[in-house]
Amino acid sequence: TSGGHPQRQDNTSHVVSFWHIPGGCDYSNA
């Protein structure tokens, strides 16, 4: 909904990397 894709596309020009931290606090499984 932000205009992105979860997988690389042929026309990809930019990538945003971000952390996913399970439960918002499980840093050992980030």
Full PDB file with SEQRES, HELIX, SHEET, SSBOND, CRYST1, ORIGX, SCALE, CONECT and MASTER records, all heavy atoms in Angstrom:
SEQRES   1 A   30  THR SER GLY GLY HIS PRO GLN ARG GLN ASP ASN THR SER          
SEQRES   2 A   30  HIS VAL VAL SER PHE TRP HIS ILE PRO GLY GLY CYS ASP          
SEQRES   3 A   30  TYR SER ASN ALA                                              
HELIX    1 AA1 PRO A   22  GLY A   24  5                                   3    
HELIX    2 AA2 TYR A   27  ASN A   29  5                                   3    
CRYST1    1.000    1.000    1.000  90.00  90.00  90.00 P 1           1          
ORIGX1      1.000000  0.000000  0.000000        0.00000                         
ORIGX2      0.000000  1.000000  0.000000        0.00000                         
ORIGX3      0.000000  0.000000  1.000000        0.00000                         
SCALE1      1.000000  0.000000  0.000000        0.00000                         
SCALE2      0.000000  1.000000  0.000000        0.00000                         
SCALE3      0.000000  0.000000  1.000000        0.00000                         
ATOM      1  N   THR A   1       0.830  -1.214   0.000  1.00  0.00           N  
ATOM      2  CA  THR A   1       0.000   0.000   0.000  1.00  0.00           C  
ATOM      3  C   THR A   1       0.859   1.256   0.000  1.00  0.00           C  
ATOM      4  O   THR A   1       0.359   2.337  -0.311  1.00  0.00           O  
ATOM      5  CB  THR A   1      -0.971   0.032   1.202  1.00  0.00           C  
ATOM      6  OG1 THR A   1      -0.241  -0.066   2.413  1.00  0.00           O  
ATOM      7  CG2 THR A   1      -2.002  -1.070   1.116  1.00  0.00           C  
ATOM      8  N   SER A   2       2.125   1.110   0.283  1.00  0.00           N  
ATOM      9  CA  SER A   2       3.061   2.241   0.218  1.00  0.00           C  
ATOM     10  C   SER A   2       3.716   2.352  -1.157  1.00  0.00           C  
ATOM     11  O   SER A   2       4.578   3.203  -1.371  1.00  0.00           O  
ATOM     12  CB  SER A   2       4.146   2.094   1.286  1.00  0.00           C  
ATOM     13  OG  SER A   2       3.580   2.127   2.571  1.00  0.00           O  
ATOM     14  N   GLY A   3       3.336   1.458  -2.081  1.00  0.00           N  
ATOM     15  CA  GLY A   3       3.891   1.484  -3.427  1.00  0.00           C  
ATOM     16  C   GLY A   3       5.075   0.572  -3.622  1.00  0.00           C  
ATOM     17  O   GLY A   3       5.707   0.586  -4.683  1.00  0.00           O  
ATOM     18  N   GLY A   4       5.396  -0.236  -2.624  1.00  0.00           N  
ATOM     19  CA  GLY A   4       6.548  -1.120  -2.710  1.00  0.00           C  
ATOM     20  C   GLY A   4       6.166  -2.550  -2.992  1.00  0.00           C  
ATOM     21  O   GLY A   4       4.996  -2.883  -3.173  1.00  0.00           O  
ATOM     22  N   HIS A   5       7.178  -3.394  -3.042  1.00  0.00           N  
ATOM     23  CA  HIS A   5       7.007  -4.827  -3.278  1.00  0.00           C  
ATOM     24  C   HIS A   5       7.884  -5.582  -2.288  1.00  0.00           C  
ATOM     25  O   HIS A   5       8.987  -5.136  -1.964  1.00  0.00           O  
ATOM     26  CB  HIS A   5       7.440  -5.200  -4.699  1.00  0.00           C  
ATOM     27  CG  HIS A   5       6.630  -4.541  -5.755  1.00  0.00           C  
ATOM     28  ND1 HIS A   5       5.419  -5.017  -6.179  1.00  0.00           N  
ATOM     29  CD2 HIS A   5       6.846  -3.402  -6.458  1.00  0.00           C  
ATOM     30  CE1 HIS A   5       4.930  -4.224  -7.106  1.00  0.00           C  
ATOM     31  NE2 HIS A   5       5.779  -3.224  -7.291  1.00  0.00           N  
ATOM     32  N   PRO A   6       7.432  -6.742  -1.829  1.00  0.00           N  
ATOM     33  CA  PRO A   6       8.263  -7.536  -0.921  1.00  0.00           C  
ATOM     34  C   PRO A   6       9.391  -8.270  -1.650  1.00  0.00           C  
ATOM     35  O   PRO A   6      10.301  -8.778  -1.013  1.00  0.00           O  
ATOM     36  CB  PRO A   6       7.270  -8.520  -0.311  1.00  0.00           C  
ATOM     37  CG  PRO A   6       6.178  -8.629  -1.320  1.00  0.00           C  
ATOM     38  CD  PRO A   6       6.107  -7.299  -2.001  1.00  0.00           C  
ATOM     39  N   GLN A   7       9.334  -8.307  -2.986  1.00  0.00           N  
ATOM     40  CA  GLN A   7      10.372  -8.959  -3.781  1.00  0.00           C  
ATOM     41  C   GLN A   7      10.871  -7.989  -4.845  1.00  0.00           C  
ATOM     42  O   GLN A   7      10.127  -7.139  -5.323  1.00  0.00           O  
ATOM     43  CB  GLN A   7       9.839 -10.215  -4.447  1.00  0.00           C  
ATOM     44  CG  GLN A   7       9.428 -11.276  -3.458  1.00  0.00           C  
ATOM     45  CD  GLN A   7       8.881 -12.507  -4.156  1.00  0.00           C  
ATOM     46  OE1 GLN A   7       8.339 -12.442  -5.242  1.00  0.00           O  
ATOM     47  NE2 GLN A   7       9.037 -13.647  -3.507  1.00  0.00           N  
ATOM     48  N   ARG A   8      12.109  -8.161  -5.225  1.00  0.00           N  
ATOM     49  CA  ARG A   8      12.715  -7.307  -6.250  1.00  0.00           C  
ATOM     50  C   ARG A   8      11.973  -7.465  -7.583  1.00  0.00           C  
ATOM     51  O   ARG A   8      11.639  -8.575  -7.983  1.00  0.00           O  
ATOM     52  CB  ARG A   8      14.181  -7.685  -6.406  1.00  0.00           C  
ATOM     53  CG  ARG A   8      14.951  -6.769  -7.302  1.00  0.00           C  
ATOM     54  CD  ARG A   8      16.414  -7.142  -7.246  1.00  0.00           C  
ATOM     55  NE  ARG A   8      17.196  -6.251  -8.076  1.00  0.00           N  
ATOM     56  CZ  ARG A   8      18.471  -6.001  -7.887  1.00  0.00           C  
ATOM     57  NH1 ARG A   8      19.112  -6.593  -6.900  1.00  0.00           N  
ATOM     58  NH2 ARG A   8      19.124  -5.189  -8.670  1.00  0.00           N  
ATOM     59  N   GLN A   9      11.740  -6.339  -8.239  1.00  0.00           N  
ATOM     60  CA  GLN A   9      11.085  -6.306  -9.542  1.00  0.00           C  
ATOM     61  C   GLN A   9      12.085  -5.828 -10.597  1.00  0.00           C  
ATOM     62  O   GLN A   9      13.131  -5.271 -10.262  1.00  0.00           O  
ATOM     63  CB  GLN A   9       9.886  -5.350  -9.498  1.00  0.00           C  
ATOM     64  CG  GLN A   9       8.893  -5.621  -8.389  1.00  0.00           C  
ATOM     65  CD  GLN A   9       8.157  -6.927  -8.581  1.00  0.00           C  
ATOM     66  OE1 GLN A   9       7.581  -7.167  -9.633  1.00  0.00           O  
ATOM     67  NE2 GLN A   9       8.212  -7.790  -7.572  1.00  0.00           N  
ATOM     68  N   ASP A  10      11.759  -6.013 -11.864  1.00  0.00           N  
ATOM     69  CA  ASP A  10      12.644  -5.556 -12.943  1.00  0.00           C  
ATOM     70  C   ASP A  10      12.881  -4.050 -12.909  1.00  0.00           C  
ATOM     71  O   ASP A  10      13.943  -3.578 -13.293  1.00  0.00           O  
ATOM     72  CB  ASP A  10      12.077  -5.936 -14.308  1.00  0.00           C  
ATOM     73  CG  ASP A  10      12.133  -7.435 -14.561  1.00  0.00           C  
ATOM     74  OD1 ASP A  10      12.947  -8.127 -13.906  1.00  0.00           O  
ATOM     75  OD2 ASP A  10      11.376  -7.910 -15.418  1.00  0.00           O  
ATOM     76  N   ASN A  11      11.885  -3.296 -12.449  1.00  0.00           N  
ATOM     77  CA  ASN A  11      11.988  -1.826 -12.429  1.00  0.00           C  
ATOM     78  C   ASN A  11      12.371  -1.260 -11.063  1.00  0.00           C  
ATOM     79  O   ASN A  11      12.261  -0.063 -10.835  1.00  0.00           O  
ATOM     80  CB  ASN A  11      10.687  -1.197 -12.918  1.00  0.00           C  
ATOM     81  CG  ASN A  11       9.509  -1.520 -12.017  1.00  0.00           C  
ATOM     82  OD1 ASN A  11       9.570  -2.418 -11.183  1.00  0.00           O  
ATOM     83  ND2 ASN A  11       8.419  -0.797 -12.199  1.00  0.00           N  
ATOM     84  N   THR A  12      12.856  -2.090 -10.155  1.00  0.00           N  
ATOM     85  CA  THR A  12      13.253  -1.614  -8.831  1.00  0.00           C  
ATOM     86  C   THR A  12      14.406  -0.626  -8.941  1.00  0.00           C  
ATOM     87  O   THR A  12      15.395  -0.900  -9.610  1.00  0.00           O  
ATOM     88  CB  THR A  12      13.677  -2.793  -7.928  1.00  0.00           C  
ATOM     89  OG1 THR A  12      12.543  -3.637  -7.711  1.00  0.00           O  
ATOM     90  CG2 THR A  12      14.211  -2.313  -6.593  1.00  0.00           C  
ATOM     91  N   SER A  13      14.235   0.522  -8.286  1.00  0.00           N  
ATOM     92  CA  SER A  13      15.303   1.530  -8.283  1.00  0.00           C  
ATOM     93  C   SER A  13      15.799   1.828  -6.867  1.00  0.00           C  
ATOM     94  O   SER A  13      16.910   2.317  -6.702  1.00  0.00           O  
ATOM     95  CB  SER A  13      14.820   2.825  -8.933  1.00  0.00           C  
ATOM     96  OG  SER A  13      13.739   3.387  -8.200  1.00  0.00           O  
ATOM     97  N   HIS A  14      14.974   1.527  -5.848  1.00  0.00           N  
ATOM     98  CA  HIS A  14      15.333   1.817  -4.457  1.00  0.00           C  
ATOM     99  C   HIS A  14      14.911   0.671  -3.549  1.00  0.00           C  
ATOM    100  O   HIS A  14      13.939  -0.031  -3.836  1.00  0.00           O  
ATOM    101  CB  HIS A  14      14.665   3.114  -3.988  1.00  0.00           C  
ATOM    102  CG  HIS A  14      15.276   4.315  -4.616  1.00  0.00           C  
ATOM    103  ND1 HIS A  14      15.006   4.693  -5.912  1.00  0.00           N  
ATOM    104  CD2 HIS A  14      16.169   5.204  -4.139  1.00  0.00           C  
ATOM    105  CE1 HIS A  14      15.705   5.764  -6.205  1.00  0.00           C  
ATOM    106  NE2 HIS A  14      16.426   6.098  -5.153  1.00  0.00           N  
ATOM    107  N   VAL A  15      15.655   0.509  -2.477  1.00  0.00           N  
ATOM    108  CA  VAL A  15      15.370  -0.518  -1.481  1.00  0.00           C  
ATOM    109  C   VAL A  15      15.342   0.142  -0.113  1.00  0.00           C  
ATOM    110  O   VAL A  15      16.190   0.967   0.208  1.00  0.00           O  
ATOM    111  CB  VAL A  15      16.476  -1.606  -1.477  1.00  0.00           C  
ATOM    112  CG1 VAL A  15      16.165  -2.679  -0.449  1.00  0.00           C  
ATOM    113  CG2 VAL A  15      16.639  -2.205  -2.842  1.00  0.00           C  
ATOM    114  N   VAL A  16      14.358  -0.229   0.691  1.00  0.00           N  
ATOM    115  CA  VAL A  16      14.316   0.223   2.082  1.00  0.00           C  
ATOM    116  C   VAL A  16      14.502  -1.017   2.950  1.00  0.00           C  
ATOM    117  O   VAL A  16      13.740  -1.972   2.856  1.00  0.00           O  
ATOM    118  CB  VAL A  16      12.991   0.930   2.425  1.00  0.00           C  
ATOM    119  CG1 VAL A  16      12.971   1.339   3.892  1.00  0.00           C  
ATOM    120  CG2 VAL A  16      12.775   2.146   1.522  1.00  0.00           C  
ATOM    121  N   SER A  17      15.558  -1.001   3.744  1.00  0.00           N  
ATOM    122  CA  SER A  17      15.790  -2.099   4.681  1.00  0.00           C  
ATOM    123  C   SER A  17      15.282  -1.658   6.052  1.00  0.00           C  
ATOM    124  O   SER A  17      15.355  -0.486   6.402  1.00  0.00           O  
ATOM    125  CB  SER A  17      17.270  -2.455   4.747  1.00  0.00           C  
ATOM    126  OG  SER A  17      18.023  -1.347   5.179  1.00  0.00           O  
ATOM    127  N   PHE A  18      14.751  -2.614   6.797  1.00  0.00           N  
ATOM    128  CA  PHE A  18      14.230  -2.299   8.123  1.00  0.00           C  
ATOM    129  C   PHE A  18      14.267  -3.560   8.982  1.00  0.00           C  
ATOM    130  O   PHE A  18      14.290  -4.671   8.473  1.00  0.00           O  
ATOM    131  CB  PHE A  18      12.807  -1.728   8.043  1.00  0.00           C  
ATOM    132  CG  PHE A  18      11.819  -2.634   7.358  1.00  0.00           C  
ATOM    133  CD1 PHE A  18      11.045  -3.521   8.079  1.00  0.00           C  
ATOM    134  CD2 PHE A  18      11.675  -2.605   5.980  1.00  0.00           C  
ATOM    135  CE1 PHE A  18      10.146  -4.360   7.452  1.00  0.00           C  
ATOM    136  CE2 PHE A  18      10.778  -3.444   5.329  1.00  0.00           C  
ATOM    137  CZ  PHE A  18      10.009  -4.320   6.070  1.00  0.00           C  
ATOM    138  N   TRP A  19      14.295  -3.347  10.283  1.00  0.00           N  
ATOM    139  CA  TRP A  19      14.326  -4.448  11.232  1.00  0.00           C  
ATOM    140  C   TRP A  19      12.916  -4.927  11.539  1.00  0.00           C  
ATOM    141  O   TRP A  19      11.997  -4.131  11.681  1.00  0.00           O  
ATOM    142  CB  TRP A  19      14.976  -4.016  12.540  1.00  0.00           C  
ATOM    143  CG  TRP A  19      16.450  -3.905  12.436  1.00  0.00           C  
ATOM    144  CD1 TRP A  19      17.173  -2.759  12.252  1.00  0.00           C  
ATOM    145  CD2 TRP A  19      17.390  -4.965  12.491  1.00  0.00           C  
ATOM    146  NE1 TRP A  19      18.503  -3.041  12.189  1.00  0.00           N  
ATOM    147  CE2 TRP A  19      18.671  -4.394  12.336  1.00  0.00           C  
ATOM    148  CE3 TRP A  19      17.286  -6.340  12.657  1.00  0.00           C  
ATOM    149  CZ2 TRP A  19      19.827  -5.159  12.345  1.00  0.00           C  
ATOM    150  CZ3 TRP A  19      18.441  -7.096  12.660  1.00  0.00           C  
ATOM    151  CH2 TRP A  19      19.695  -6.507  12.514  1.00  0.00           C  
ATOM    152  N   HIS A  20      12.762  -6.240  11.658  1.00  0.00           N  
ATOM    153  CA  HIS A  20      11.545  -6.843  12.192  1.00  0.00           C  
ATOM    154  C   HIS A  20      11.943  -7.497  13.502  1.00  0.00           C  
ATOM    155  O   HIS A  20      12.789  -8.398  13.526  1.00  0.00           O  
ATOM    156  CB  HIS A  20      10.955  -7.882  11.243  1.00  0.00           C  
ATOM    157  CG  HIS A  20       9.862  -8.674  11.888  1.00  0.00           C  
ATOM    158  ND1 HIS A  20       8.637  -8.129  12.189  1.00  0.00           N  
ATOM    159  CD2 HIS A  20       9.834  -9.955  12.318  1.00  0.00           C  
ATOM    160  CE1 HIS A  20       7.889  -9.053  12.782  1.00  0.00           C  
ATOM    161  NE2 HIS A  20       8.598 -10.167  12.866  1.00  0.00           N  
ATOM    162  N   ILE A  21      11.365  -7.024  14.581  1.00  0.00           N  
ATOM    163  CA  ILE A  21      11.669  -7.554  15.908  1.00  0.00           C  
ATOM    164  C   ILE A  21      10.398  -8.221  16.436  1.00  0.00           C  
ATOM    165  O   ILE A  21       9.428  -7.534  16.765  1.00  0.00           O  
ATOM    166  CB  ILE A  21      12.155  -6.444  16.859  1.00  0.00           C  
ATOM    167  CG1 ILE A  21      13.399  -5.790  16.246  1.00  0.00           C  
ATOM    168  CG2 ILE A  21      12.424  -7.001  18.251  1.00  0.00           C  
ATOM    169  CD1 ILE A  21      13.827  -4.512  16.896  1.00  0.00           C  
ATOM    170  N   PRO A  22      10.387  -9.554  16.464  1.00  0.00           N  
ATOM    171  CA  PRO A  22       9.185 -10.269  16.893  1.00  0.00           C  
ATOM    172  C   PRO A  22       8.687  -9.796  18.259  1.00  0.00           C  
ATOM    173  O   PRO A  22       9.475  -9.665  19.203  1.00  0.00           O  
ATOM    174  CB  PRO A  22       9.631 -11.729  16.946  1.00  0.00           C  
ATOM    175  CG  PRO A  22      10.782 -11.801  15.996  1.00  0.00           C  
ATOM    176  CD  PRO A  22      11.472 -10.472  16.130  1.00  0.00           C  
ATOM    177  N   GLY A  23       7.398  -9.507  18.316  1.00  0.00           N  
ATOM    178  CA  GLY A  23       6.793  -9.056  19.565  1.00  0.00           C  
ATOM    179  C   GLY A  23       7.267  -7.683  20.003  1.00  0.00           C  
ATOM    180  O   GLY A  23       6.918  -7.223  21.083  1.00  0.00           O  
ATOM    181  N   GLY A  24       8.082  -7.042  19.195  1.00  0.00           N  
ATOM    182  CA  GLY A  24       8.591  -5.717  19.536  1.00  0.00           C  
ATOM    183  C   GLY A  24       9.692  -5.732  20.583  1.00  0.00           C  
ATOM    184  O   GLY A  24      10.207  -4.682  20.963  1.00  0.00           O  
ATOM    185  N   CYS A  25      10.093  -6.928  21.044  1.00  0.00           N  
ATOM    186  CA  CYS A  25      11.111  -6.976  22.093  1.00  0.00           C  
ATOM    187  C   CYS A  25      12.043  -8.183  22.007  1.00  0.00           C  
ATOM    188  O   CYS A  25      12.987  -8.290  22.771  1.00  0.00           O  
ATOM    189  CB  CYS A  25      10.449  -6.942  23.463  1.00  0.00           C  
ATOM    190  SG  CYS A  25       9.345  -8.326  23.760  1.00  0.00           S  
ATOM    191  N   ASP A  26      11.803  -9.079  21.067  1.00  0.00           N  
ATOM    192  CA  ASP A  26      12.612 -10.297  20.957  1.00  0.00           C  
ATOM    193  C   ASP A  26      13.802 -10.036  20.032  1.00  0.00           C  
ATOM    194  O   ASP A  26      13.866 -10.504  18.894  1.00  0.00           O  
ATOM    195  CB  ASP A  26      11.752 -11.440  20.431  1.00  0.00           C  
ATOM    196  CG  ASP A  26      12.483 -12.768  20.432  1.00  0.00           C  
ATOM    197  OD1 ASP A  26      13.661 -12.817  20.853  1.00  0.00           O  
ATOM    198  OD2 ASP A  26      11.874 -13.771  20.011  1.00  0.00           O  
ATOM    199  N   TYR A  27      14.786  -9.304  20.534  1.00  0.00           N  
ATOM    200  CA  TYR A  27      15.921  -8.893  19.724  1.00  0.00           C  
ATOM    201  C   TYR A  27      16.802 -10.062  19.292  1.00  0.00           C  
ATOM    202  O   TYR A  27      17.481  -9.985  18.279  1.00  0.00           O  
ATOM    203  CB  TYR A  27      16.754  -7.846  20.468  1.00  0.00           C  
ATOM    204  CG  TYR A  27      16.020  -6.541  20.596  1.00  0.00           C  
ATOM    205  CD1 TYR A  27      15.245  -6.270  21.719  1.00  0.00           C  
ATOM    206  CD2 TYR A  27      16.079  -5.595  19.588  1.00  0.00           C  
ATOM    207  CE1 TYR A  27      14.555  -5.076  21.828  1.00  0.00           C  
ATOM    208  CE2 TYR A  27      15.398  -4.395  19.688  1.00  0.00           C  
ATOM    209  CZ  TYR A  27      14.624  -4.144  20.817  1.00  0.00           C  
ATOM    210  OH  TYR A  27      13.932  -2.970  20.913  1.00  0.00           O  
ATOM    211  N   SER A  28      16.778 -11.158  20.025  1.00  0.00           N  
ATOM    212  CA  SER A  28      17.606 -12.304  19.658  1.00  0.00           C  
ATOM    213  C   SER A  28      17.111 -12.968  18.368  1.00  0.00           C  
ATOM    214  O   SER A  28      17.860 -13.690  17.719  1.00  0.00           O  
ATOM    215  CB  SER A  28      17.664 -13.320  20.793  1.00  0.00           C  
ATOM    216  OG  SER A  28      16.380 -13.824  21.076  1.00  0.00           O  
ATOM    217  N   ASN A  29      15.865 -12.720  18.000  1.00  0.00           N  
ATOM    218  CA  ASN A  29      15.298 -13.276  16.772  1.00  0.00           C  
ATOM    219  C   ASN A  29      14.987 -12.200  15.730  1.00  0.00           C  
ATOM    220  O   ASN A  29      14.211 -12.436  14.803  1.00  0.00           O  
ATOM    221  CB  ASN A  29      14.041 -14.095  17.081  1.00  0.00           C  
ATOM    222  CG  ASN A  29      14.386 -15.389  17.793  1.00  0.00           C  
ATOM    223  OD1 ASN A  29      15.231 -16.148  17.333  1.00  0.00           O  
ATOM    224  ND2 ASN A  29      13.763 -15.621  18.925  1.00  0.00           N  
ATOM    225  N   ALA A  30      15.597 -11.040  15.865  1.00  0.00           N  
ATOM    226  CA  ALA A  30      15.370  -9.940  14.930  1.00  0.00           C  
ATOM    227  C   ALA A  30      15.929 -10.290  13.552  1.00  0.00           C  
ATOM    228  O   ALA A  30      16.923 -11.005  13.433  1.00  0.00           O  
ATOM    229  CB  ALA A  30      16.020  -8.666  15.452  1.00  0.00           C  
TER     230      ALA A  30                                                      
MASTER        0    0    0    2    0    0    0    6  229    1    0    3          
END                                                                             
